[in-house]
Amino acid sequence: MSFISKSKEILQKLQGLSLETRKIILWAVVIIMAIILIWVWLKLGESRLEKFDKEFNTFQSKVGDSFNKESKEVMDTLKN
C-alpha cells in the first residue's frame, strides 16, 4: 500500500469515530507536538547559550589580557 492510500484509510477510520474520541485524539496530537517543539526550542537555546559562553570567555580573555598590559604600562610609567 502506498502512503496516500494508507492516509486515506486512516482518515476514514477517524471520521467513523465519535466526536468526543476525535477531540481526544486531536488534543493528544497537539500536546505531543507542543512537547516536541518545546524540547527542540530548549535544545537550540542551550546550544546558543553554550556558543555565547565560549565567545564571551574568548572576548573576556582578550580584553583582560590587553587591560593587564595597559595597566602594567601605566604602573611602570607612574613608578618612573
C-alpha atoms as a PDB file:
ATOM      1  CA  MET A   1       0.000   0.000   0.000  1.00  0.00           C
ATOM      2  CA  SER A   2       1.205   3.483  -0.753  1.00  0.00           C
ATOM      3  CA  PHE A   3       1.413   6.294   1.760  1.00  0.00           C
ATOM      4  CA  ILE A   4      -1.555   8.125   0.221  1.00  0.00           C
ATOM      5  CA  SER A   5      -3.862   5.110   0.369  1.00  0.00           C
ATOM      6  CA  LYS A   6      -2.841   4.400   3.978  1.00  0.00           C
ATOM      7  CA  SER A   7      -3.508   8.049   4.860  1.00  0.00           C
ATOM      8  CA  LYS A   8      -6.979   7.882   3.285  1.00  0.00           C
ATOM      9  CA  GLU A   9      -7.708   4.680   5.196  1.00  0.00           C
ATOM     10  CA  ILE A  10      -6.651   6.256   8.493  1.00  0.00           C
ATOM     11  CA  LEU A  11      -8.761   9.359   7.776  1.00  0.00           C
ATOM     12  CA  GLN A  12     -11.812   7.198   7.045  1.00  0.00           C
ATOM     13  CA  LYS A  13     -11.328   5.349  10.327  1.00  0.00           C
ATOM     14  CA  LEU A  14     -11.019   8.659  12.193  1.00  0.00           C
ATOM     15  CA  GLN A  15     -14.151  10.032  10.522  1.00  0.00           C
ATOM     16  CA  GLY A  16     -16.051   6.978  11.709  1.00  0.00           C
ATOM     17  CA  LEU A  17     -15.218   7.649  15.358  1.00  0.00           C
ATOM     18  CA  SER A  18     -17.416   9.673  17.678  1.00  0.00           C
ATOM     19  CA  LEU A  19     -16.867  13.420  18.054  1.00  0.00           C
ATOM     20  CA  GLU A  20     -15.542  13.044  21.613  1.00  0.00           C
ATOM     21  CA  THR A  21     -12.973  10.435  20.536  1.00  0.00           C
ATOM     22  CA  ARG A  22     -11.820  12.638  17.651  1.00  0.00           C
ATOM     23  CA  LYS A  23     -11.429  15.605  20.028  1.00  0.00           C
ATOM     24  CA  ILE A  24      -9.324  13.496  22.400  1.00  0.00           C
ATOM     25  CA  ILE A  25      -7.119  12.326  19.535  1.00  0.00           C
ATOM     26  CA  LEU A  26      -6.758  15.910  18.261  1.00  0.00           C
ATOM     27  CA  TRP A  27      -5.727  17.268  21.662  1.00  0.00           C
ATOM     28  CA  ALA A  28      -3.332  14.368  22.234  1.00  0.00           C
ATOM     29  CA  VAL A  29      -1.618  15.115  18.910  1.00  0.00           C
ATOM     30  CA  VAL A  30      -1.499  18.852  19.707  1.00  0.00           C
ATOM     31  CA  ILE A  31       0.038  18.215  23.137  1.00  0.00           C
ATOM     32  CA  ILE A  32       2.623  15.795  21.735  1.00  0.00           C
ATOM     33  CA  MET A  33       3.599  18.277  19.012  1.00  0.00           C
ATOM     34  CA  ALA A  34       3.858  21.080  21.589  1.00  0.00           C
ATOM     35  CA  ILE A  35       6.141  18.969  23.784  1.00  0.00           C
ATOM     36  CA  ILE A  36       8.356  18.139  20.812  1.00  0.00           C
ATOM     37  CA  LEU A  37       8.559  21.787  19.718  1.00  0.00           C
ATOM     38  CA  ILE A  38       9.350  22.978  23.253  1.00  0.00           C
ATOM     39  CA  TRP A  39      12.086  20.339  23.555  1.00  0.00           C
ATOM     40  CA  VAL A  40      13.620  21.414  20.231  1.00  0.00           C
ATOM     41  CA  TRP A  41      13.400  25.087  21.258  1.00  0.00           C
ATOM     42  CA  LEU A  42      15.142  24.368  24.573  1.00  0.00           C
ATOM     43  CA  LYS A  43      17.905  22.348  22.882  1.00  0.00           C
ATOM     44  CA  LEU A  44      18.518  25.152  20.362  1.00  0.00           C
ATOM     45  CA  GLY A  45      18.590  27.676  23.194  1.00  0.00           C
ATOM     46  CA  GLU A  46      21.041  25.522  25.124  1.00  0.00           C
ATOM     47  CA  SER A  47      23.413  25.284  22.165  1.00  0.00           C
ATOM     48  CA  ARG A  48      23.166  29.032  21.546  1.00  0.00           C
ATOM     49  CA  LEU A  49      23.955  29.750  25.200  1.00  0.00           C
ATOM     50  CA  GLU A  50      26.964  27.419  25.086  1.00  0.00           C
ATOM     51  CA  LYS A  51      28.201  29.152  21.932  1.00  0.00           C
ATOM     52  CA  PHE A  52      27.668  32.564  23.543  1.00  0.00           C
ATOM     53  CA  ASP A  53      29.536  31.436  26.668  1.00  0.00           C
ATOM     54  CA  LYS A  54      32.541  30.297  24.601  1.00  0.00           C
ATOM     55  CA  GLU A  55      32.575  33.558  22.646  1.00  0.00           C
ATOM     56  CA  PHE A  56      32.207  35.601  25.838  1.00  0.00           C
ATOM     57  CA  ASN A  57      35.080  33.764  27.510  1.00  0.00           C
ATOM     58  CA  THR A  58      37.277  34.339  24.451  1.00  0.00           C
ATOM     59  CA  PHE A  59      36.330  38.024  24.406  1.00  0.00           C
ATOM     60  CA  GLN A  60      36.870  38.333  28.153  1.00  0.00           C
ATOM     61  CA  SER A  61      40.321  36.773  27.969  1.00  0.00           C
ATOM     62  CA  LYS A  62      41.346  39.096  25.096  1.00  0.00           C
ATOM     63  CA  VAL A  63      40.047  42.178  26.883  1.00  0.00           C
ATOM     64  CA  GLY A  64      41.565  41.027  30.160  1.00  0.00           C
ATOM     65  CA  ASP A  65      44.980  40.493  28.552  1.00  0.00           C
ATOM     66  CA  SER A  66      45.000  43.920  26.910  1.00  0.00           C
ATOM     67  CA  PHE A  67      43.768  45.561  30.126  1.00  0.00           C
ATOM     68  CA  ASN A  68      46.523  43.876  32.143  1.00  0.00           C
ATOM     69  CA  LYS A  69      49.180  45.057  29.668  1.00  0.00           C
ATOM     70  CA  GLU A  70      47.890  48.628  29.690  1.00  0.00           C
ATOM     71  CA  SER A  71      47.606  48.765  33.469  1.00  0.00           C
ATOM     72  CA  LYS A  72      51.133  47.380  33.803  1.00  0.00           C
ATOM     73  CA  GLU A  73      52.437  50.084  31.445  1.00  0.00           C
ATOM     74  CA  VAL A  74      50.644  52.784  33.440  1.00  0.00           C
ATOM     75  CA  MET A  75      52.054  51.466  36.698  1.00  0.00           C
ATOM     76  CA  ASP A  76      55.564  51.315  35.215  1.00  0.00           C
ATOM     77  CA  THR A  77      55.183  54.895  33.979  1.00  0.00           C
ATOM     78  CA  LEU A  78      53.987  56.069  37.384  1.00  0.00           C
ATOM     79  CA  LYS A  79      56.924  54.377  39.159  1.00  0.00           C
ATOM     80  CA  ASN A  80      59.446  56.189  36.962  1.00  0.00           C
END
